[in-house]
Amino acid sequence: MIDFWFTSIAWAVHCGLRPAPKATGKHFVNLGPNPNDIKHFEEWRGELLTILAVYNFGHESSDISDVRKIIDLANRYAEVGSPLLLDRLSEYDDFALPRLYLAADVMTAVIEDGSEKYSGRVF
């Protein structure tokens, strides 16, 4: 479930969507808002969610260190990303593959396209 939730967030960001005004849990099970939930994440997930929080709240906002607000933001992104992700996955013909493999294929293609597009960028 966490993989679908996290992939839905990534898909929403990739599609340029803004988070939902409120997470309803309609398309998935919301995480949190227990701050301990994030302690069970792999470190890289927490780091990416923190980057997403900085992007949305601003680098000087105190909200970027509030785990409840970060999880709420992530739930709201998953809310808008999950229907589009399911639509994209349904475009594939090979139903013998588990959906997460299809999601990995889709995200790999997106990353490869983005790598070529942004490879010359300097920060």
C-alpha atoms as a PDB file:
ATOM      1  CA  MET A   1       0.000   0.000   0.000  1.00  0.00           C
ATOM      2  CA  ILE A   2       2.806   2.413   0.822  1.00  0.00           C
ATOM      3  CA  ASP A   3       4.272   1.900  -2.648  1.00  0.00           C
ATOM      4  CA  PHE A   4       0.999   2.857  -4.337  1.00  0.00           C
ATOM      5  CA  TRP A   5       0.584   5.837  -1.992  1.00  0.00           C
ATOM      6  CA  PHE A   6       4.108   7.079  -2.656  1.00  0.00           C
ATOM      7  CA  THR A   7       3.910   6.450  -6.404  1.00  0.00           C
ATOM      8  CA  SER A   8       0.619   8.394  -6.499  1.00  0.00           C
ATOM      9  CA  ILE A   9       2.410  11.348  -4.895  1.00  0.00           C
ATOM     10  CA  ALA A  10       5.241  11.141  -7.411  1.00  0.00           C
ATOM     11  CA  TRP A  11       2.776  10.880 -10.297  1.00  0.00           C
ATOM     12  CA  ALA A  12       0.847  13.947  -9.108  1.00  0.00           C
ATOM     13  CA  VAL A  13       4.065  15.956  -8.920  1.00  0.00           C
ATOM     14  CA  HIS A  14       5.174  14.680 -12.324  1.00  0.00           C
ATOM     15  CA  CYS A  15       1.828  15.715 -13.847  1.00  0.00           C
ATOM     16  CA  GLY A  16       2.142  19.192 -12.333  1.00  0.00           C
ATOM     17  CA  LEU A  17      -0.917  18.797 -10.119  1.00  0.00           C
ATOM     18  CA  ARG A  18      -1.527  20.765  -6.956  1.00  0.00           C
ATOM     19  CA  PRO A  19      -2.505  18.845  -3.823  1.00  0.00           C
ATOM     20  CA  ALA A  20      -6.174  18.374  -3.011  1.00  0.00           C
ATOM     21  CA  PRO A  21      -7.603  20.929  -0.580  1.00  0.00           C
ATOM     22  CA  LYS A  22      -8.341  18.059   1.814  1.00  0.00           C
ATOM     23  CA  ALA A  23      -7.436  14.373   1.811  1.00  0.00           C
ATOM     24  CA  THR A  24     -10.570  12.252   1.935  1.00  0.00           C
ATOM     25  CA  GLY A  25      -9.009   8.807   1.633  1.00  0.00           C
ATOM     26  CA  LYS A  26     -11.361   8.105  -1.269  1.00  0.00           C
ATOM     27  CA  HIS A  27      -8.732   6.450  -3.476  1.00  0.00           C
ATOM     28  CA  PHE A  28      -6.419   5.009  -0.823  1.00  0.00           C
ATOM     29  CA  VAL A  29      -5.947   4.714   2.917  1.00  0.00           C
ATOM     30  CA  ASN A  30      -4.561   7.927   4.374  1.00  0.00           C
ATOM     31  CA  LEU A  31      -1.408   7.680   6.407  1.00  0.00           C
ATOM     32  CA  GLY A  32      -1.114   9.389   9.736  1.00  0.00           C
ATOM     33  CA  PRO A  33      -1.383  11.950  10.966  1.00  0.00           C
ATOM     34  CA  ASN A  34       0.580  10.151  13.669  1.00  0.00           C
ATOM     35  CA  PRO A  35       4.140  11.561  13.557  1.00  0.00           C
ATOM     36  CA  ASN A  36       5.499   8.097  14.311  1.00  0.00           C
ATOM     37  CA  ASP A  37       4.247   6.842  10.937  1.00  0.00           C
ATOM     38  CA  ILE A  38       7.131   8.498   9.149  1.00  0.00           C
ATOM     39  CA  LYS A  39       9.635   6.663  11.334  1.00  0.00           C
ATOM     40  CA  HIS A  40       8.627   3.450   9.563  1.00  0.00           C
ATOM     41  CA  PHE A  41       9.480   4.860   6.138  1.00  0.00           C
ATOM     42  CA  GLU A  42      12.715   4.170   4.378  1.00  0.00           C
ATOM     43  CA  GLU A  43      14.959   7.194   4.843  1.00  0.00           C
ATOM     44  CA  TRP A  44      14.772   8.225   1.191  1.00  0.00           C
ATOM     45  CA  ARG A  45      10.972   8.475   1.340  1.00  0.00           C
ATOM     46  CA  GLY A  46      11.151  10.844   4.284  1.00  0.00           C
ATOM     47  CA  GLU A  47      13.787  12.930   2.531  1.00  0.00           C
ATOM     48  CA  LEU A  48      11.699  13.224  -0.638  1.00  0.00           C
ATOM     49  CA  LEU A  49       8.602  14.163   1.345  1.00  0.00           C
ATOM     50  CA  THR A  50      10.644  16.840   3.128  1.00  0.00           C
ATOM     51  CA  ILE A  51      11.772  18.229  -0.243  1.00  0.00           C
ATOM     52  CA  LEU A  52       8.137  18.265  -1.361  1.00  0.00           C
ATOM     53  CA  ALA A  53       7.221  20.127   1.841  1.00  0.00           C
ATOM     54  CA  VAL A  54       9.952  22.713   1.238  1.00  0.00           C
ATOM     55  CA  TYR A  55       8.683  23.168  -2.313  1.00  0.00           C
ATOM     56  CA  ASN A  56       5.104  23.693  -1.113  1.00  0.00           C
ATOM     57  CA  PHE A  57       5.565  25.504   2.190  1.00  0.00           C
ATOM     58  CA  GLY A  58       8.774  27.430   1.462  1.00  0.00           C
ATOM     59  CA  HIS A  59      12.213  26.922   2.955  1.00  0.00           C
ATOM     60  CA  GLU A  60      11.637  29.345   5.824  1.00  0.00           C
ATOM     61  CA  SER A  61       8.290  27.876   6.912  1.00  0.00           C
ATOM     62  CA  SER A  62       8.085  26.071  10.236  1.00  0.00           C
ATOM     63  CA  ASP A  63       5.697  23.626   8.521  1.00  0.00           C
ATOM     64  CA  ILE A  64       8.629  21.798   6.915  1.00  0.00           C
ATOM     65  CA  SER A  65       9.533  20.328  10.292  1.00  0.00           C
ATOM     66  CA  ASP A  66       5.948  19.455  11.272  1.00  0.00           C
ATOM     67  CA  VAL A  67       5.529  15.769  10.467  1.00  0.00           C
ATOM     68  CA  ARG A  68       1.732  15.994  10.661  1.00  0.00           C
ATOM     69  CA  LYS A  69       1.666  18.726   8.024  1.00  0.00           C
ATOM     70  CA  ILE A  70       4.111  16.861   5.790  1.00  0.00           C
ATOM     71  CA  ILE A  71       2.030  13.673   5.949  1.00  0.00           C
ATOM     72  CA  ASP A  72      -1.153  15.659   5.314  1.00  0.00           C
ATOM     73  CA  LEU A  73       0.474  17.297   2.274  1.00  0.00           C
ATOM     74  CA  ALA A  74       1.570  13.873   1.008  1.00  0.00           C
ATOM     75  CA  ASN A  75      -1.942  12.461   1.502  1.00  0.00           C
ATOM     76  CA  ARG A  76      -3.399  15.370  -0.455  1.00  0.00           C
ATOM     77  CA  TYR A  77      -0.955  14.795  -3.329  1.00  0.00           C
ATOM     78  CA  ALA A  78      -1.775  11.074  -3.310  1.00  0.00           C
ATOM     79  CA  GLU A  79      -5.460  11.996  -3.439  1.00  0.00           C
ATOM     80  CA  VAL A  80      -5.063  13.776  -6.787  1.00  0.00           C
ATOM     81  CA  GLY A  81      -2.364  11.504  -8.211  1.00  0.00           C
ATOM     82  CA  SER A  82      -3.914   8.098  -7.605  1.00  0.00           C
ATOM     83  CA  PRO A  83      -6.781   8.292 -10.150  1.00  0.00           C
ATOM     84  CA  LEU A  84      -4.399   9.456 -12.890  1.00  0.00           C
ATOM     85  CA  LEU A  85      -1.889   6.763 -11.979  1.00  0.00           C
ATOM     86  CA  LEU A  86      -4.572   4.073 -12.161  1.00  0.00           C
ATOM     87  CA  ASP A  87      -5.704   5.422 -15.526  1.00  0.00           C
ATOM     88  CA  ARG A  88      -2.143   5.300 -16.826  1.00  0.00           C
ATOM     89  CA  LEU A  89      -1.594   1.772 -15.556  1.00  0.00           C
ATOM     90  CA  SER A  90      -4.818   0.609 -17.196  1.00  0.00           C
ATOM     91  CA  GLU A  91      -3.390   1.605 -20.598  1.00  0.00           C
ATOM     92  CA  TYR A  92      -1.035  -1.392 -20.491  1.00  0.00           C
ATOM     93  CA  ASP A  93      -2.142  -4.640 -22.081  1.00  0.00           C
ATOM     94  CA  ASP A  94      -0.159  -7.153 -20.072  1.00  0.00           C
ATOM     95  CA  PHE A  95      -2.420  -7.840 -17.113  1.00  0.00           C
ATOM     96  CA  ALA A  96      -0.244 -10.762 -16.071  1.00  0.00           C
ATOM     97  CA  LEU A  97       2.228  -8.286 -14.590  1.00  0.00           C
ATOM     98  CA  PRO A  98       1.452  -7.003 -11.114  1.00  0.00           C
ATOM     99  CA  ARG A  99       0.460  -3.331 -11.104  1.00  0.00           C
ATOM    100  CA  LEU A 100       3.575  -2.248  -9.212  1.00  0.00           C
ATOM    101  CA  TYR A 101       5.781  -3.612 -11.995  1.00  0.00           C
ATOM    102  CA  LEU A 102       3.772  -1.561 -14.456  1.00  0.00           C
ATOM    103  CA  ALA A 103       4.162   1.477 -12.206  1.00  0.00           C
ATOM    104  CA  ALA A 104       7.911   0.880 -12.126  1.00  0.00           C
ATOM    105  CA  ASP A 105       7.990   0.700 -15.930  1.00  0.00           C
ATOM    106  CA  VAL A 106       6.012   3.927 -16.257  1.00  0.00           C
ATOM    107  CA  MET A 107       8.178   5.778 -13.726  1.00  0.00           C
ATOM    108  CA  THR A 108      11.382   4.466 -15.316  1.00  0.00           C
ATOM    109  CA  ALA A 109      10.290   5.851 -18.681  1.00  0.00           C
ATOM    110  CA  VAL A 110       9.475   9.201 -17.085  1.00  0.00           C
ATOM    111  CA  ILE A 111      12.860   9.327 -15.348  1.00  0.00           C
ATOM    112  CA  GLU A 112      14.699   8.421 -18.541  1.00  0.00           C
ATOM    113  CA  ASP A 113      12.850  11.146 -20.461  1.00  0.00           C
ATOM    114  CA  GLY A 114      13.572  13.653 -17.696  1.00  0.00           C
ATOM    115  CA  SER A 115      17.228  12.663 -17.483  1.00  0.00           C
ATOM    116  CA  GLU A 116      17.749  13.498 -21.126  1.00  0.00           C
ATOM    117  CA  LYS A 117      15.789  16.730 -20.834  1.00  0.00           C
ATOM    118  CA  TYR A 118      17.548  18.036 -17.715  1.00  0.00           C
ATOM    119  CA  SER A 119      20.993  16.438 -17.947  1.00  0.00           C
ATOM    120  CA  GLY A 120      22.735  19.733 -18.713  1.00  0.00           C
ATOM    121  CA  ARG A 121      21.239  21.673 -15.800  1.00  0.00           C
ATOM    122  CA  VAL A 122      23.553  23.123 -13.199  1.00  0.00           C
ATOM    123  CA  PHE A 123      22.409  24.147  -9.730  1.00  0.00           C
END
